Amino acid sequence: MVAVVIAGGILGAKLPVWIAYGFSPPFYWDGKSLFGGLLGGFLAMNAFKVVQRIPGGGFGDRFVIPLCLAAGFGKIGCFFNGCCGGCERFGFMHPTQLYESAFQFLLAAYFFGLYCSHRMSGRWFPVYMIFYMAMRFFIEFLRNEPPLAFGLTVYQFLALAFLPIFGIIVWKR
């Protein structure tokens, strides 16, 4: 299952970049998306479970806190690398990488609180994804991503498509 999730994550990390920027030489290997990787891994894991007839249930709790920390530090790396940045809005250049980093560290603290109180077991990953997608939808208005349609980016469309799915998962659990 791990190989399937990794493959899904790798493909998922590239797909939104190819959709947004085109499948051209600079983007064959450059550019990856955490958001796309998370969704790709999630979809691959669930497809594997269906094919192998593995019952559903809780998943991802043990990965959420390290994921938040890794994403938080990763966005600091993006800031210093000059990628994944914001644009000028309201007379201010927005360091969206640092906004996302702070958001990830706050989520790590939130989930650590859940861990200490033994609450919401089996729902952490879908709850994480709901928080992440909501944040990503709004922060996209401050980022330098090309709009796909209706002034929205590929990431905003992904958030709109998957927010209800993760909401249903949390509700069912």
N, C-alpha and C. Protein backbone atom coordinates (compact mmCIF):
# COMPACT_ATOMS: atom_id res chain seq x y z
N MET A 1 0.82 -1.19 0.00
CA MET A 1 0.00 0.00 0.00
C MET A 1 0.87 1.26 0.00
N VAL A 2 2.00 1.21 0.68
CA VAL A 2 2.88 2.39 0.78
C VAL A 2 3.33 2.83 -0.61
N ALA A 3 3.71 1.89 -1.47
CA ALA A 3 4.17 2.24 -2.82
C ALA A 3 3.05 2.90 -3.61
N VAL A 4 1.83 2.42 -3.46
CA VAL A 4 0.69 3.00 -4.16
C VAL A 4 0.45 4.43 -3.69
N VAL A 5 0.51 4.66 -2.39
CA VAL A 5 0.29 6.00 -1.84
C VAL A 5 1.40 6.95 -2.30
N ILE A 6 2.64 6.47 -2.30
CA ILE A 6 3.75 7.31 -2.75
C ILE A 6 3.58 7.67 -4.23
N ALA A 7 3.23 6.67 -5.05
CA ALA A 7 3.02 6.94 -6.47
C ALA A 7 1.88 7.94 -6.67
N GLY A 8 0.79 7.75 -5.95
CA GLY A 8 -0.33 8.69 -6.04
C GLY A 8 0.06 10.08 -5.59
N GLY A 9 0.87 10.16 -4.53
CA GLY A 9 1.33 11.44 -4.04
C GLY A 9 2.23 12.15 -5.04
N ILE A 10 3.11 11.40 -5.68
CA ILE A 10 4.02 12.00 -6.67
C ILE A 10 3.23 12.52 -7.87
N LEU A 11 2.32 11.71 -8.38
CA LEU A 11 1.50 12.15 -9.52
C LEU A 11 0.62 13.32 -9.11
N GLY A 12 0.02 13.22 -7.93
CA GLY A 12 -0.84 14.30 -7.44
C GLY A 12 -0.07 15.61 -7.25
N ALA A 13 1.18 15.51 -6.86
CA ALA A 13 1.99 16.72 -6.65
C ALA A 13 2.31 17.42 -7.96
N LYS A 14 2.34 16.69 -9.05
CA LYS A 14 2.65 17.28 -10.35
C LYS A 14 1.40 17.74 -11.11
N LEU A 15 0.30 17.04 -10.98
CA LEU A 15 -0.89 17.31 -11.80
C LEU A 15 -1.38 18.76 -11.71
N PRO A 16 -1.56 19.35 -10.52
CA PRO A 16 -2.03 20.74 -10.49
C PRO A 16 -1.04 21.71 -11.13
N VAL A 17 0.26 21.42 -11.02
CA VAL A 17 1.27 22.28 -11.64
C VAL A 17 1.14 22.20 -13.16
N TRP A 18 0.96 21.00 -13.69
CA TRP A 18 0.80 20.84 -15.13
C TRP A 18 -0.49 21.51 -15.61
N ILE A 19 -1.56 21.41 -14.82
CA ILE A 19 -2.82 22.06 -15.21
C ILE A 19 -2.66 23.58 -15.20
N ALA A 20 -2.01 24.10 -14.18
CA ALA A 20 -1.87 25.55 -14.05
C ALA A 20 -0.89 26.15 -15.05
N TYR A 21 0.23 25.47 -15.30
CA TYR A 21 1.30 26.06 -16.09
C TYR A 21 1.53 25.37 -17.43
N GLY A 22 0.87 24.26 -17.64
CA GLY A 22 1.04 23.54 -18.89
C GLY A 22 2.11 22.47 -18.78
N PHE A 23 2.00 21.50 -19.64
CA PHE A 23 2.96 20.40 -19.67
C PHE A 23 4.05 20.79 -20.65
N SER A 24 5.00 21.56 -20.16
CA SER A 24 6.07 22.07 -21.00
C SER A 24 7.41 21.82 -20.32
N PRO A 25 8.52 21.90 -21.07
CA PRO A 25 9.84 21.55 -20.52
C PRO A 25 10.16 22.11 -19.13
N PRO A 26 9.90 23.40 -18.84
CA PRO A 26 10.30 23.84 -17.50
C PRO A 26 9.52 23.15 -16.38
N PHE A 27 8.35 22.61 -16.70
CA PHE A 27 7.50 22.04 -15.65
C PHE A 27 7.41 20.52 -15.70
N TYR A 28 8.22 19.87 -16.56
CA TYR A 28 8.24 18.41 -16.53
C TYR A 28 8.61 17.93 -15.13
N TRP A 29 9.68 18.52 -14.57
CA TRP A 29 10.17 18.08 -13.27
C TRP A 29 10.10 19.16 -12.22
N ASP A 30 10.17 20.43 -12.63
CA ASP A 30 10.13 21.53 -11.66
C ASP A 30 8.71 21.75 -11.16
N GLY A 31 8.61 22.22 -9.94
CA GLY A 31 7.31 22.56 -9.37
C GLY A 31 6.55 21.35 -8.88
N LYS A 32 6.21 21.40 -7.62
CA LYS A 32 5.41 20.34 -7.01
C LYS A 32 4.43 21.00 -6.05
N SER A 33 3.34 20.33 -5.79
CA SER A 33 2.30 20.89 -4.95
C SER A 33 2.04 19.97 -3.76
N LEU A 34 2.20 20.51 -2.56
CA LEU A 34 1.85 19.74 -1.36
C LEU A 34 0.38 19.37 -1.40
N PHE A 35 -0.45 20.33 -1.75
CA PHE A 35 -1.90 20.10 -1.81
C PHE A 35 -2.21 18.94 -2.76
N GLY A 36 -1.65 19.00 -3.98
CA GLY A 36 -1.88 17.94 -4.94
C GLY A 36 -1.33 16.60 -4.47
N GLY A 37 -0.17 16.63 -3.83
CA GLY A 37 0.41 15.39 -3.30
C GLY A 37 -0.45 14.75 -2.24
N LEU A 38 -1.01 15.56 -1.35
CA LEU A 38 -1.90 15.03 -0.31
C LEU A 38 -3.15 14.41 -0.93
N LEU A 39 -3.74 15.12 -1.90
CA LEU A 39 -4.94 14.58 -2.54
C LEU A 39 -4.62 13.34 -3.36
N GLY A 40 -3.49 13.34 -4.07
CA GLY A 40 -3.10 12.18 -4.86
C GLY A 40 -2.86 10.96 -4.00
N GLY A 41 -2.16 11.14 -2.88
CA GLY A 41 -1.94 10.02 -1.95
C GLY A 41 -3.24 9.52 -1.35
N PHE A 42 -4.12 10.45 -0.99
CA PHE A 42 -5.43 10.08 -0.42
C PHE A 42 -6.25 9.27 -1.43
N LEU A 43 -6.31 9.75 -2.67
CA LEU A 43 -7.08 9.04 -3.69
C LEU A 43 -6.47 7.67 -4.00
N ALA A 44 -5.15 7.60 -4.09
CA ALA A 44 -4.49 6.32 -4.37
C ALA A 44 -4.73 5.32 -3.25
N MET A 45 -4.63 5.79 -1.99
CA MET A 45 -4.85 4.90 -0.86
C MET A 45 -6.27 4.35 -0.87
N ASN A 46 -7.24 5.21 -1.12
CA ASN A 46 -8.62 4.76 -1.11
C ASN A 46 -8.94 3.87 -2.30
N ALA A 47 -8.34 4.13 -3.45
CA ALA A 47 -8.52 3.24 -4.60
C ALA A 47 -7.93 1.86 -4.29
N PHE A 48 -6.76 1.84 -3.66
CA PHE A 48 -6.13 0.59 -3.27
C PHE A 48 -7.02 -0.18 -2.30
N LYS A 49 -7.61 0.53 -1.33
CA LYS A 49 -8.50 -0.13 -0.36
C LYS A 49 -9.71 -0.75 -1.05
N VAL A 50 -10.26 -0.06 -2.05
CA VAL A 50 -11.41 -0.59 -2.77
C VAL A 50 -11.02 -1.83 -3.56
N VAL A 51 -9.91 -1.75 -4.29
CA VAL A 51 -9.46 -2.88 -5.12
C VAL A 51 -9.12 -4.08 -4.24
N GLN A 52 -8.48 -3.86 -3.11
CA GLN A 52 -8.07 -4.95 -2.23
C GLN A 52 -9.17 -5.35 -1.23
N ARG A 53 -10.30 -4.68 -1.29
CA ARG A 53 -11.43 -4.92 -0.38
C ARG A 53 -11.02 -4.76 1.09
N ILE A 54 -10.23 -3.72 1.36
CA ILE A 54 -9.82 -3.40 2.72
C ILE A 54 -10.88 -2.46 3.28
N PRO A 55 -11.43 -2.78 4.44
CA PRO A 55 -12.47 -1.90 4.99
C PRO A 55 -11.93 -0.51 5.29
N GLY A 56 -12.82 0.48 5.17
CA GLY A 56 -12.46 1.87 5.46
C GLY A 56 -12.18 2.05 6.94
N GLY A 57 -12.20 3.28 7.36
CA GLY A 57 -11.94 3.56 8.76
C GLY A 57 -10.94 4.67 8.91
N GLY A 58 -10.49 4.85 10.13
CA GLY A 58 -9.56 5.93 10.44
C GLY A 58 -8.25 5.76 9.70
N PHE A 59 -7.72 6.85 9.32
CA PHE A 59 -6.43 6.82 8.66
C PHE A 59 -5.71 8.13 8.92
N GLY A 60 -4.43 8.07 8.96
CA GLY A 60 -3.62 9.28 8.97
C GLY A 60 -3.41 9.98 10.28
N ASP A 61 -4.00 9.54 11.38
CA ASP A 61 -3.82 10.26 12.65
C ASP A 61 -2.35 10.42 13.00
N ARG A 62 -1.60 9.36 12.88
CA ARG A 62 -0.19 9.41 13.31
C ARG A 62 0.69 10.27 12.41
N PHE A 63 0.18 10.63 11.23
CA PHE A 63 0.97 11.43 10.30
C PHE A 63 0.67 12.92 10.36
N VAL A 64 -0.43 13.30 10.99
CA VAL A 64 -0.89 14.69 10.90
C VAL A 64 0.07 15.68 11.57
N ILE A 65 0.50 15.40 12.78
CA ILE A 65 1.39 16.35 13.47
C ILE A 65 2.73 16.46 12.73
N PRO A 66 3.39 15.36 12.37
CA PRO A 66 4.63 15.51 11.58
C PRO A 66 4.39 16.20 10.23
N LEU A 67 3.23 15.94 9.62
CA LEU A 67 2.91 16.60 8.35
C LEU A 67 2.82 18.11 8.54
N CYS A 68 2.13 18.55 9.59
CA CYS A 68 2.03 19.99 9.87
C CYS A 68 3.40 20.61 10.08
N LEU A 69 4.24 19.95 10.86
CA LEU A 69 5.57 20.49 11.13
C LEU A 69 6.43 20.52 9.86
N ALA A 70 6.38 19.45 9.09
CA ALA A 70 7.17 19.39 7.86
C ALA A 70 6.69 20.45 6.86
N ALA A 71 5.38 20.60 6.72
CA ALA A 71 4.85 21.61 5.80
C ALA A 71 5.19 23.01 6.29
N GLY A 72 5.15 23.23 7.60
CA GLY A 72 5.50 24.53 8.15
C GLY A 72 6.94 24.90 7.85
N PHE A 73 7.86 23.97 8.09
CA PHE A 73 9.27 24.24 7.79
C PHE A 73 9.51 24.30 6.28
N GLY A 74 8.77 23.48 5.53
CA GLY A 74 8.89 23.51 4.08
C GLY A 74 8.51 24.86 3.49
N LYS A 75 7.48 25.46 4.02
CA LYS A 75 7.06 26.78 3.53
C LYS A 75 8.07 27.87 3.89
N ILE A 76 8.77 27.70 5.00
CA ILE A 76 9.86 28.63 5.31
C ILE A 76 10.94 28.48 4.24
N GLY A 77 11.22 27.24 3.83
CA GLY A 77 12.16 27.00 2.75
C GLY A 77 11.70 27.64 1.45
N CYS A 78 10.40 27.56 1.16
CA CYS A 78 9.86 28.22 -0.03
C CYS A 78 10.09 29.73 0.03
N PHE A 79 9.90 30.31 1.21
CA PHE A 79 10.10 31.74 1.38
C PHE A 79 11.54 32.12 1.04
N PHE A 80 12.50 31.38 1.58
CA PHE A 80 13.90 31.70 1.33
C PHE A 80 14.34 31.35 -0.09
N ASN A 81 13.65 30.42 -0.71
CA ASN A 81 13.95 30.04 -2.09
C ASN A 81 13.28 30.99 -3.09
N GLY A 82 12.26 31.71 -2.65
CA GLY A 82 11.56 32.64 -3.52
C GLY A 82 10.46 32.03 -4.35
N CYS A 83 10.03 30.84 -3.99
CA CYS A 83 8.94 30.21 -4.73
C CYS A 83 7.66 30.23 -3.90
N CYS A 84 6.55 29.88 -4.54
CA CYS A 84 5.25 29.76 -3.86
C CYS A 84 4.83 31.07 -3.19
N GLY A 85 5.25 32.17 -3.75
CA GLY A 85 5.06 33.45 -3.09
C GLY A 85 3.74 34.13 -3.38
N GLY A 86 3.60 35.23 -2.71
CA GLY A 86 2.41 36.03 -2.84
C GLY A 86 2.59 37.13 -3.85
N CYS A 87 1.57 37.93 -3.96
CA CYS A 87 1.60 39.06 -4.87
C CYS A 87 1.23 40.32 -4.08
N GLU A 88 1.32 41.43 -4.75
CA GLU A 88 0.99 42.68 -4.07
C GLU A 88 -0.51 42.88 -4.09
N ARG A 89 -1.08 43.01 -2.93
CA ARG A 89 -2.50 43.32 -2.77
C ARG A 89 -2.62 44.34 -1.67
N PHE A 90 -3.49 45.30 -1.88
CA PHE A 90 -3.75 46.32 -0.88
C PHE A 90 -2.47 47.08 -0.52
N GLY A 91 -1.59 47.27 -1.52
CA GLY A 91 -0.37 48.02 -1.31
C GLY A 91 0.69 47.30 -0.49
N PHE A 92 0.61 45.98 -0.40
CA PHE A 92 1.53 45.21 0.43
C PHE A 92 1.86 43.90 -0.27
N MET A 93 3.14 43.57 -0.31
CA MET A 93 3.57 42.29 -0.86
C MET A 93 3.39 41.22 0.21
N HIS A 94 2.55 40.26 -0.05
CA HIS A 94 2.19 39.26 0.96
C HIS A 94 3.16 38.07 0.94
N PRO A 95 3.80 37.79 2.07
CA PRO A 95 4.66 36.60 2.18
C PRO A 95 3.80 35.37 2.50
N THR A 96 3.08 34.91 1.50
CA THR A 96 2.12 33.83 1.73
C THR A 96 2.77 32.56 2.27
N GLN A 97 4.04 32.35 1.92
CA GLN A 97 4.73 31.17 2.45
C GLN A 97 4.79 31.24 3.98
N LEU A 98 5.04 32.43 4.52
CA LEU A 98 5.11 32.58 5.98
C LEU A 98 3.72 32.49 6.61
N TYR A 99 2.70 32.96 5.91
CA TYR A 99 1.32 32.79 6.40
C TYR A 99 1.00 31.30 6.51
N GLU A 100 1.33 30.57 5.44
CA GLU A 100 1.06 29.13 5.45
C GLU A 100 1.88 28.41 6.51
N SER A 101 3.11 28.83 6.69
CA SER A 101 3.97 28.23 7.70
C SER A 101 3.36 28.41 9.09
N ALA A 102 2.97 29.62 9.41
CA ALA A 102 2.35 29.89 10.72
C ALA A 102 1.08 29.08 10.88
N PHE A 103 0.29 28.97 9.81
CA PHE A 103 -0.94 28.17 9.85
C PHE A 103 -0.62 26.70 10.17
N GLN A 104 0.40 26.15 9.52
CA GLN A 104 0.76 24.75 9.75
C GLN A 104 1.22 24.53 11.20
N PHE A 105 2.01 25.46 11.73
CA PHE A 105 2.47 25.32 13.12
C PHE A 105 1.31 25.42 14.10
N LEU A 106 0.35 26.29 13.82
CA LEU A 106 -0.85 26.37 14.67
C LEU A 106 -1.65 25.07 14.61
N LEU A 107 -1.75 24.50 13.42
CA LEU A 107 -2.45 23.21 13.30
C LEU A 107 -1.71 22.11 14.06
N ALA A 108 -0.40 22.12 14.02
CA ALA A 108 0.38 21.12 14.78
C ALA A 108 0.05 21.24 16.26
N ALA A 109 -0.02 22.45 16.78
CA ALA A 109 -0.36 22.66 18.19
C ALA A 109 -1.78 22.19 18.48
N TYR A 110 -2.71 22.48 17.56
CA TYR A 110 -4.10 22.04 17.73
C TYR A 110 -4.19 20.51 17.80
N PHE A 111 -3.53 19.84 16.86
CA PHE A 111 -3.59 18.38 16.84
C PHE A 111 -2.82 17.77 18.01
N PHE A 112 -1.79 18.43 18.48
CA PHE A 112 -1.11 17.95 19.67
C PHE A 112 -2.05 18.02 20.86
N GLY A 113 -2.86 19.05 20.94
CA GLY A 113 -3.88 19.15 22.00
C GLY A 113 -4.88 18.00 21.90
N LEU A 114 -5.28 17.66 20.67
CA LEU A 114 -6.19 16.52 20.49
C LEU A 114 -5.52 15.22 20.91
N TYR A 115 -4.24 15.09 20.59
CA TYR A 115 -3.49 13.90 20.97
C TYR A 115 -3.45 13.76 22.50
N CYS A 116 -3.16 14.86 23.18
CA CYS A 116 -3.06 14.82 24.64
C CYS A 116 -4.40 14.52 25.30
N SER A 117 -5.48 14.95 24.67
CA SER A 117 -6.81 14.74 25.26
C SER A 117 -7.50 13.49 24.71
N HIS A 118 -6.85 12.79 23.78
CA HIS A 118 -7.39 11.55 23.19
C HIS A 118 -8.75 11.80 22.55
N ARG A 119 -8.87 12.92 21.82
CA ARG A 119 -10.15 13.26 21.19
C ARG A 119 -10.06 13.13 19.67
N MET A 120 -11.19 12.89 19.07
CA MET A 120 -11.39 12.84 17.62
C MET A 120 -10.52 11.81 16.91
N SER A 121 -10.25 10.73 17.56
CA SER A 121 -9.42 9.69 16.98
C SER A 121 -10.03 9.19 15.67
N GLY A 122 -9.18 8.95 14.69
CA GLY A 122 -9.63 8.44 13.40
C GLY A 122 -10.14 9.52 12.46
N ARG A 123 -10.17 10.77 12.91
CA ARG A 123 -10.68 11.86 12.07
C ARG A 123 -9.65 12.95 11.83
N TRP A 124 -8.46 12.79 12.32
CA TRP A 124 -7.49 13.88 12.25
C TRP A 124 -7.13 14.27 10.82
N PHE A 125 -6.84 13.30 9.98
CA PHE A 125 -6.44 13.64 8.62
C PHE A 125 -7.55 14.36 7.86
N PRO A 126 -8.78 13.86 7.87
CA PRO A 126 -9.81 14.62 7.15
C PRO A 126 -10.06 16.00 7.76
N VAL A 127 -9.95 16.13 9.08
CA VAL A 127 -10.09 17.45 9.70
C VAL A 127 -8.93 18.35 9.26
N TYR A 128 -7.72 17.80 9.24
CA TYR A 128 -6.57 18.56 8.75
C TYR A 128 -6.84 19.05 7.33
N MET A 129 -7.32 18.17 6.47
CA MET A 129 -7.56 18.54 5.08
C MET A 129 -8.63 19.62 4.96
N ILE A 130 -9.64 19.56 5.79
CA ILE A 130 -10.68 20.61 5.76
C ILE A 130 -10.06 21.96 6.12
N PHE A 131 -9.30 21.99 7.21
CA PHE A 131 -8.64 23.24 7.60
C PHE A 131 -7.69 23.72 6.51
N TYR A 132 -6.88 22.80 5.99
CA TYR A 132 -5.90 23.17 4.98
C TYR A 132 -6.57 23.69 3.71
N MET A 133 -7.60 23.01 3.24
CA MET A 133 -8.26 23.44 2.02
C MET A 133 -8.97 24.78 2.19
N ALA A 134 -9.57 25.00 3.34
CA ALA A 134 -10.21 26.30 3.58
C ALA A 134 -9.16 27.41 3.56
N MET A 135 -8.05 27.18 4.26
CA MET A 135 -6.97 28.18 4.26
C MET A 135 -6.45 28.38 2.85
N ARG A 136 -6.24 27.30 2.13
CA ARG A 136 -5.65 27.40 0.79
C ARG A 136 -6.59 28.12 -0.17
N PHE A 137 -7.89 27.89 -0.03
CA PHE A 137 -8.84 28.59 -0.89
C PHE A 137 -8.68 30.10 -0.75
N PHE A 138 -8.62 30.57 0.49
CA PHE A 138 -8.56 32.01 0.72
C PHE A 138 -7.18 32.60 0.44
N ILE A 139 -6.13 31.87 0.77
CA ILE A 139 -4.79 32.41 0.56
C ILE A 139 -4.43 32.50 -0.92
N GLU A 140 -5.12 31.72 -1.75
CA GLU A 140 -4.87 31.77 -3.19
C GLU A 140 -5.15 33.16 -3.76
N PHE A 141 -6.01 33.93 -3.12
CA PHE A 141 -6.28 35.29 -3.58
C PHE A 141 -5.07 36.19 -3.39
N LEU A 142 -4.11 35.75 -2.56
CA LEU A 142 -2.90 36.53 -2.29
C LEU A 142 -1.66 35.94 -2.95
N ARG A 143 -1.84 34.88 -3.73
CA ARG A 143 -0.69 34.19 -4.33
C ARG A 143 -0.55 34.53 -5.80
N ASN A 144 0.59 34.17 -6.35
CA ASN A 144 0.89 34.40 -7.76
C ASN A 144 0.58 33.17 -8.61
N GLU A 145 -0.56 32.62 -8.48
CA GLU A 145 -0.94 31.46 -9.29
C GLU A 145 -1.85 31.92 -10.43
N PRO A 146 -1.68 31.34 -11.62
CA PRO A 146 -2.53 31.76 -12.73
C PRO A 146 -3.97 31.27 -12.53
N PRO A 147 -4.93 32.14 -12.84
CA PRO A 147 -6.33 31.69 -12.71
C PRO A 147 -6.65 30.66 -13.79
N LEU A 148 -7.48 29.70 -13.41
CA LEU A 148 -7.89 28.65 -14.34
C LEU A 148 -9.19 29.07 -15.04
N ALA A 149 -10.17 29.49 -14.26
CA ALA A 149 -11.46 29.95 -14.79
C ALA A 149 -12.17 30.74 -13.69
N PHE A 150 -12.98 31.69 -14.09
CA PHE A 150 -13.76 32.50 -13.16
C PHE A 150 -12.88 33.21 -12.12
N GLY A 151 -11.63 33.46 -12.46
CA GLY A 151 -10.71 34.13 -11.55
C GLY A 151 -10.19 33.25 -10.43
N LEU A 152 -10.49 31.95 -10.48
CA LEU A 152 -10.05 31.01 -9.45
C LEU A 152 -8.91 30.14 -9.98
N THR A 153 -8.02 29.74 -9.07
CA THR A 153 -6.88 28.90 -9.44
C THR A 153 -7.26 27.42 -9.37
N VAL A 154 -6.38 26.59 -9.89
CA VAL A 154 -6.61 25.14 -9.84
C VAL A 154 -6.76 24.68 -8.38
N TYR A 155 -6.02 25.31 -7.46
CA TYR A 155 -6.07 24.91 -6.06
C TYR A 155 -7.41 25.29 -5.43
N GLN A 156 -7.97 26.39 -5.86
CA GLN A 156 -9.28 26.78 -5.35
C GLN A 156 -10.36 25.82 -5.85
N PHE A 157 -10.24 25.40 -7.10
CA PHE A 157 -11.20 24.42 -7.61
C PHE A 157 -11.05 23.08 -6.89
N LEU A 158 -9.82 22.67 -6.62
CA LEU A 158 -9.60 21.42 -5.87
C LEU A 158 -10.21 21.53 -4.47
N ALA A 159 -10.01 22.67 -3.82
CA ALA A 159 -10.58 22.86 -2.48
C ALA A 159 -12.09 22.79 -2.53
N LEU A 160 -12.70 23.44 -3.50
CA LEU A 160 -14.16 23.41 -3.61
C LEU A 160 -14.68 21.99 -3.90
N ALA A 161 -13.92 21.23 -4.67
CA ALA A 161 -14.34 19.86 -5.00
C ALA A 161 -14.19 18.91 -3.83
N PHE A 162 -13.11 19.06 -3.05
CA PHE A 162 -12.80 18.07 -2.02
C PHE A 162 -13.27 18.45 -0.61
N LEU A 163 -13.57 19.71 -0.36
CA LEU A 163 -14.08 20.08 0.97
C LEU A 163 -15.32 19.27 1.35
N PRO A 164 -16.31 19.13 0.47
CA PRO A 164 -17.48 18.32 0.85
C PRO A 164 -17.14 16.85 1.10
N ILE A 165 -16.19 16.31 0.34
CA ILE A 165 -15.81 14.90 0.52
C ILE A 165 -15.22 14.68 1.90
N PHE A 166 -14.28 15.54 2.30
CA PHE A 166 -13.68 15.38 3.62
C PHE A 166 -14.69 15.72 4.72
N GLY A 167 -15.61 16.64 4.45
CA GLY A 167 -16.68 16.92 5.42
C GLY A 167 -17.56 15.70 5.66
N ILE A 168 -17.87 14.98 4.61
CA ILE A 168 -18.69 13.76 4.74
C ILE A 168 -17.91 12.70 5.53
N ILE A 169 -16.62 12.57 5.25
CA ILE A 169 -15.80 11.59 5.97
C ILE A 169 -15.82 11.89 7.48
N VAL A 170 -15.63 13.15 7.84
CA VAL A 170 -15.64 13.51 9.27
C VAL A 170 -17.02 13.24 9.85
N TRP A 171 -18.06 13.62 9.14
CA TRP A 171 -19.43 13.43 9.64
C TRP A 171 -19.76 11.95 9.85
N LYS A 172 -19.32 11.08 8.92
CA LYS A 172 -19.60 9.64 9.03
C LYS A 172 -18.85 8.99 10.18
N ARG A 173 -17.71 9.56 10.55
CA ARG A 173 -16.93 8.96 11.62
C ARG A 173 -17.37 9.49 12.96
